[in-house]
């Protein structure tokens, strides 16, 4: 394992394993609650990933992924400071969602509040059966501020998110995979290995294809149909025009590449 190039606070640790950066939330005594120091460091990490990294896996040390905002660090703020605090989280998580690398989250235990917002900013989410999801902001007298209004509502639907915030409803891992909280469900203790395997698979793609998936696809999906279709045509032409795409297509046509099979 190779350490990352960037200095991280004690609440985060990273190992680089054959091109896969494994970023660990390391505050188990606080259920990996997120403070501003940690969020800023996450933003810096994804703005300048370790050299040689081709994908990232995020997971939490201990029994939980993340219980969200560390409320002990929440001080009384005026409106201006509150907006600035929310935008700090937006900037950090935007660097995950629209960064250079595919990001896979391993979810177990509490995936709550800001921890759920962090998970929603990743591209693939692997849930262990212990995972549960909640948005307790309504009962705390606050409102989500790390991007859930946009990202989570798109994953699970506006009215389901309303229900969670209004009533305190929680969802378990099995419900969550059906509703869009995660794409994979595995047994306890198997999440990290599954996520690393998925990261390795994503890292094998052509870089320009991954760029299109991470940057163009979400924007195409959010656009009106006519604009989206035009953007798709442009991105398809750009991707297939690369030297690597041409080499991969030749390999397939010459039967040097495997066919798609269900596993």
Protein backbone atom coordinates (compact mmCIF):
# COMPACT_ATOMS: atom_id res chain seq x y z
CA UNK A 1 0.00 0.00 0.00
CA UNK A 2 1.26 3.43 -0.94
CA UNK A 3 0.32 6.56 1.07
CA UNK A 4 -1.36 9.45 -0.75
CA UNK A 5 0.49 12.56 -1.84
CA UNK A 6 -1.83 14.92 0.05
CA UNK A 7 -1.70 15.56 3.81
CA UNK A 8 -4.92 14.49 5.53
CA UNK A 9 -6.31 15.21 9.00
CA UNK A 10 -6.54 12.45 11.59
CA UNK A 11 -10.19 11.93 10.62
CA UNK A 12 -9.21 10.61 7.17
CA UNK A 13 -6.77 7.98 5.98
CA UNK A 14 -5.91 6.82 2.48
CA UNK A 15 -4.11 3.87 0.97
CA UNK A 16 -3.30 3.49 -2.71
CA UNK A 17 -3.69 -0.13 -3.79
CA UNK A 18 -2.65 -0.82 -7.39
CA UNK A 19 -4.29 2.33 -8.71
CA UNK A 20 -7.32 2.25 -6.37
CA UNK A 21 -7.33 4.94 -3.67
CA UNK A 22 -9.15 3.71 -0.57
CA UNK A 23 -10.24 6.73 1.49
CA UNK A 24 -11.33 5.85 5.02
CA UNK A 25 -13.44 8.02 7.32
CA UNK A 26 -11.56 7.47 10.56
CA UNK A 27 -13.57 8.82 13.46
CA UNK A 28 -15.32 5.69 14.75
CA UNK A 29 -15.85 7.06 18.27
CA UNK A 30 -18.10 9.73 16.68
CA UNK A 31 -19.74 7.29 14.22
CA UNK A 32 -17.62 9.05 11.58
CA UNK A 33 -19.51 12.32 12.01
CA UNK A 34 -18.27 14.98 9.60
CA UNK A 35 -16.81 18.27 10.79
CA UNK A 36 -15.64 21.13 8.59
CA UNK A 37 -11.98 20.10 8.81
CA UNK A 38 -12.88 16.69 7.39
CA UNK A 39 -15.16 18.10 4.69
CA UNK A 40 -12.50 20.58 3.55
CA UNK A 41 -9.95 17.76 3.40
CA UNK A 42 -12.33 15.63 1.33
CA UNK A 43 -12.64 18.54 -1.10
CA UNK A 44 -8.87 18.92 -1.35
CA UNK A 45 -8.41 15.18 -1.82
CA UNK A 46 -10.77 15.00 -4.78
CA UNK A 47 -9.48 18.25 -6.28
CA UNK A 48 -6.01 16.69 -6.42
CA UNK A 49 -6.25 12.87 -6.12
CA UNK A 50 -3.14 10.80 -5.41
CA UNK A 51 -0.89 10.36 -8.40
CA UNK A 52 -1.57 7.04 -10.07
CA UNK A 53 -5.12 6.68 -8.74
CA UNK A 54 -7.68 5.57 -11.34
CA UNK A 55 -10.69 5.16 -9.03
CA UNK A 56 -11.58 5.84 -5.39
CA UNK A 57 -13.38 3.82 -2.72
CA UNK A 58 -14.79 5.61 0.35
CA UNK A 59 -15.66 3.66 3.47
CA UNK A 60 -16.06 4.24 7.20
CA UNK A 61 -13.97 2.78 10.00
CA UNK A 62 -15.88 0.94 12.71
CA UNK A 63 -19.58 0.15 12.75
CA UNK A 64 -20.88 3.03 10.66
CA UNK A 65 -20.29 4.81 7.37
CA UNK A 66 -21.17 8.25 8.71
CA UNK A 67 -23.76 9.67 11.11
CA UNK A 68 -23.60 13.02 9.28
CA UNK A 69 -22.83 16.49 10.52
CA UNK A 70 -21.00 16.61 13.84
CA UNK A 71 -23.59 18.60 15.78
CA UNK A 72 -21.06 19.37 18.52
CA UNK A 73 -19.25 21.56 15.99
CA UNK A 74 -22.45 23.36 14.97
CA UNK A 75 -22.39 26.87 16.38
CA UNK A 76 -25.04 29.56 16.16
CA UNK A 77 -24.63 31.26 12.81
CA UNK A 78 -26.23 34.21 11.13
CA UNK A 79 -27.80 33.72 7.72
CA UNK A 80 -24.69 34.69 5.78
CA UNK A 81 -22.48 32.29 7.72
CA UNK A 82 -25.05 29.52 7.30
CA UNK A 83 -25.02 29.93 3.52
CA UNK A 84 -21.22 29.89 3.49
CA UNK A 85 -21.17 26.69 5.57
CA UNK A 86 -23.56 24.92 3.22
CA UNK A 87 -21.60 26.03 0.18
CA UNK A 88 -18.41 24.62 1.73
CA UNK A 89 -20.04 21.18 1.74
CA UNK A 90 -21.41 21.73 -1.77
CA UNK A 91 -17.93 22.48 -3.14
CA UNK A 92 -16.39 19.44 -1.49
CA UNK A 93 -19.05 17.00 -2.66
CA UNK A 94 -19.15 18.55 -6.14
CA UNK A 95 -15.52 17.52 -6.50
CA UNK A 96 -16.61 13.94 -5.90
CA UNK A 97 -19.62 14.00 -8.21
CA UNK A 98 -17.82 15.81 -11.04
CA UNK A 99 -14.23 14.86 -10.37
CA UNK A 100 -11.70 13.01 -12.47
CA UNK A 101 -12.24 9.53 -11.02
CA UNK A 102 -15.08 7.04 -10.50
CA UNK A 103 -15.97 6.92 -6.79
CA UNK A 104 -17.57 3.95 -5.03
CA UNK A 105 -18.94 4.20 -1.46
CA UNK A 106 -19.17 1.29 0.99
CA UNK A 107 -22.22 1.82 3.21
CA UNK A 108 -22.73 0.11 6.56
CA UNK A 109 -24.41 1.07 9.80
CA UNK A 110 -25.56 4.67 9.95
CA UNK A 111 -25.75 6.50 6.63
CA UNK A 112 -27.46 9.53 8.05
CA UNK A 113 -27.86 13.24 7.26
CA UNK A 114 -24.61 14.59 5.88
CA UNK A 115 -23.27 11.04 5.62
CA UNK A 116 -26.13 10.24 3.24
CA UNK A 117 -25.33 13.43 1.31
CA UNK A 118 -21.71 12.29 1.00
CA UNK A 119 -22.86 8.87 -0.22
CA UNK A 120 -25.26 10.44 -2.73
CA UNK A 121 -22.39 12.38 -4.32
CA UNK A 122 -20.56 9.15 -5.22
CA UNK A 123 -21.18 7.26 -8.44
CA UNK A 124 -21.73 3.71 -7.15
CA UNK A 125 -22.87 2.68 -3.67
CA UNK A 126 -22.39 -0.78 -2.18
CA UNK A 127 -24.50 -1.40 0.95
CA UNK A 128 -23.89 -4.04 3.56
CA UNK A 129 -27.02 -5.41 5.24
CA UNK A 130 -26.36 -3.34 8.38
CA UNK A 131 -26.80 -0.04 6.50
CA UNK A 132 -29.72 2.23 7.32
CA UNK A 133 -30.66 5.64 5.94
CA UNK A 134 -32.16 8.67 7.68
CA UNK A 135 -32.52 12.44 7.41
CA UNK A 136 -33.04 13.64 11.00
CA UNK A 137 -32.63 17.33 10.18
CA UNK A 138 -36.35 18.00 10.59
CA UNK A 139 -36.33 16.90 14.23
CA UNK A 140 -33.14 18.92 14.88
CA UNK A 141 -34.68 22.18 13.70
CA UNK A 142 -32.32 22.44 10.73
CA UNK A 143 -32.39 21.61 7.01
CA UNK A 144 -30.14 19.56 4.75
CA UNK A 145 -27.20 21.60 3.48
CA UNK A 146 -24.82 19.21 1.75
CA UNK A 147 -26.67 18.73 -1.52
CA UNK A 148 -29.43 16.27 -0.58
CA UNK A 149 -32.17 18.49 -2.01
CA UNK A 150 -30.65 17.93 -5.44
CA UNK A 151 -28.79 14.62 -5.37
CA UNK A 152 -30.82 12.50 -2.98
CA UNK A 153 -34.17 13.68 -4.32
CA UNK A 154 -33.05 12.52 -7.78
CA UNK A 155 -32.05 9.13 -6.43
CA UNK A 156 -35.14 8.30 -4.38
CA UNK A 157 -37.76 10.90 -5.38
CA UNK A 158 -38.84 14.19 -3.83
CA UNK A 159 -41.84 12.82 -1.94
CA UNK A 160 -39.92 9.94 -0.38
CA UNK A 161 -37.32 12.45 0.81
CA UNK A 162 -40.13 14.66 2.18
CA UNK A 163 -41.47 11.69 4.13
CA UNK A 164 -38.04 11.01 5.65
CA UNK A 165 -37.62 14.62 6.75
CA UNK A 166 -41.18 15.21 7.95
CA UNK A 167 -41.69 11.98 9.86
CA UNK A 168 -38.19 10.70 10.63
CA UNK A 169 -38.76 7.58 8.57
CA UNK A 170 -35.72 5.37 8.11
CA UNK A 171 -34.94 2.76 5.46
CA UNK A 172 -32.89 -0.39 5.78
CA UNK A 173 -30.37 -1.80 3.36
CA UNK A 174 -32.74 -4.21 1.61
CA UNK A 175 -35.32 -1.48 0.97
CA UNK A 176 -32.53 0.88 0.03
CA UNK A 177 -31.20 -1.14 -2.88
CA UNK A 178 -34.68 -1.27 -4.41
CA UNK A 179 -35.31 2.45 -3.89
CA UNK A 180 -32.01 3.81 -5.20
CA UNK A 181 -29.99 4.46 -2.03
CA UNK A 182 -27.50 1.86 -3.28
CA UNK A 183 -26.95 -0.23 -6.40
CA UNK A 184 -25.50 -3.29 -4.65
CA UNK A 185 -26.33 -5.23 -1.48
CA UNK A 186 -23.78 -7.56 0.15
CA UNK A 187 -23.34 -9.41 3.40
CA UNK A 188 -21.68 -7.76 6.43
CA UNK A 189 -17.95 -7.37 5.98
CA UNK A 190 -18.05 -7.90 2.22
CA UNK A 191 -18.60 -4.30 1.13
CA UNK A 192 -15.01 -3.15 0.84
CA UNK A 193 -13.91 -6.09 -1.29
CA UNK A 194 -16.92 -5.65 -3.57
CA UNK A 195 -16.28 -1.91 -3.91
CA UNK A 196 -12.60 -2.41 -4.72
CA UNK A 197 -13.54 -4.99 -7.37
CA UNK A 198 -16.01 -2.54 -8.93
CA UNK A 199 -13.41 0.24 -8.79
CA UNK A 200 -10.90 -1.96 -10.60
CA UNK A 201 -13.48 -2.69 -13.29
CA UNK A 202 -14.29 1.01 -13.75
CA UNK A 203 -10.59 1.87 -13.85
CA UNK A 204 -10.15 -0.42 -16.87
CA UNK A 205 -12.37 1.79 -19.04
CA UNK A 206 -10.94 4.27 -21.49
CA UNK A 207 -10.35 7.58 -19.67
CA UNK A 208 -12.45 9.53 -22.16
CA UNK A 209 -15.35 7.12 -21.72
CA UNK A 210 -15.21 7.56 -17.95
CA UNK A 211 -15.09 11.33 -18.44
CA UNK A 212 -18.26 11.12 -20.50
CA UNK A 213 -19.99 8.95 -17.90
CA UNK A 214 -19.01 11.15 -14.94
CA UNK A 215 -19.43 14.58 -16.53
CA UNK A 216 -21.70 14.37 -19.55
CA UNK A 217 -24.25 11.75 -18.50
CA UNK A 218 -25.58 13.57 -15.39
CA UNK A 219 -25.87 16.83 -17.31
CA UNK A 220 -27.57 15.13 -20.26
CA UNK A 221 -30.08 13.52 -17.89
CA UNK A 222 -30.85 16.92 -16.34
CA UNK A 223 -31.25 18.69 -19.70
CA UNK A 224 -34.38 18.98 -21.81
CA UNK A 225 -34.66 16.06 -24.28
CA UNK A 226 -33.56 17.96 -27.39
CA UNK A 227 -30.50 19.42 -25.70
CA UNK A 228 -29.69 16.08 -24.09
CA UNK A 229 -29.80 14.20 -27.38
CA UNK A 230 -27.53 16.74 -29.04
CA UNK A 231 -25.07 16.54 -26.13
CA UNK A 232 -25.14 12.75 -26.38
CA UNK A 233 -24.31 12.86 -30.11
CA UNK A 234 -21.40 15.21 -29.51
CA UNK A 235 -20.03 13.14 -26.62
CA UNK A 236 -20.41 9.89 -28.59
CA UNK A 237 -18.47 11.37 -31.51
CA UNK A 238 -15.72 12.67 -29.24
CA UNK A 239 -15.36 9.35 -27.43
CA UNK A 240 -15.32 7.12 -30.51
CA UNK A 241 -12.82 9.40 -32.22
CA UNK A 242 -10.10 8.73 -29.66
CA UNK A 243 -7.17 6.47 -30.52
CA UNK A 244 -7.92 4.21 -27.54
CA UNK A 245 -11.55 3.72 -28.61
CA UNK A 246 -10.41 2.76 -32.11
CA UNK A 247 -7.89 0.27 -30.69
CA UNK A 248 -10.51 -1.30 -28.41
CA UNK A 249 -13.03 -1.63 -31.24
CA UNK A 250 -10.41 -3.27 -33.46
CA UNK A 251 -9.62 -5.73 -30.67
CA UNK A 252 -13.30 -6.66 -30.41
CA UNK A 253 -13.78 -7.04 -34.17
CA UNK A 254 -10.64 -9.18 -34.38
CA UNK A 255 -11.98 -11.36 -31.53
CA UNK A 256 -9.21 -10.31 -29.16
CA UNK A 257 -11.71 -8.93 -26.63
CA UNK A 258 -14.35 -10.86 -24.74
CA UNK A 259 -18.07 -10.58 -25.42
CA UNK A 260 -20.59 -9.38 -22.86
CA UNK A 261 -21.81 -12.16 -20.57
CA UNK A 262 -24.04 -12.11 -17.48
CA UNK A 263 -22.28 -13.04 -14.24
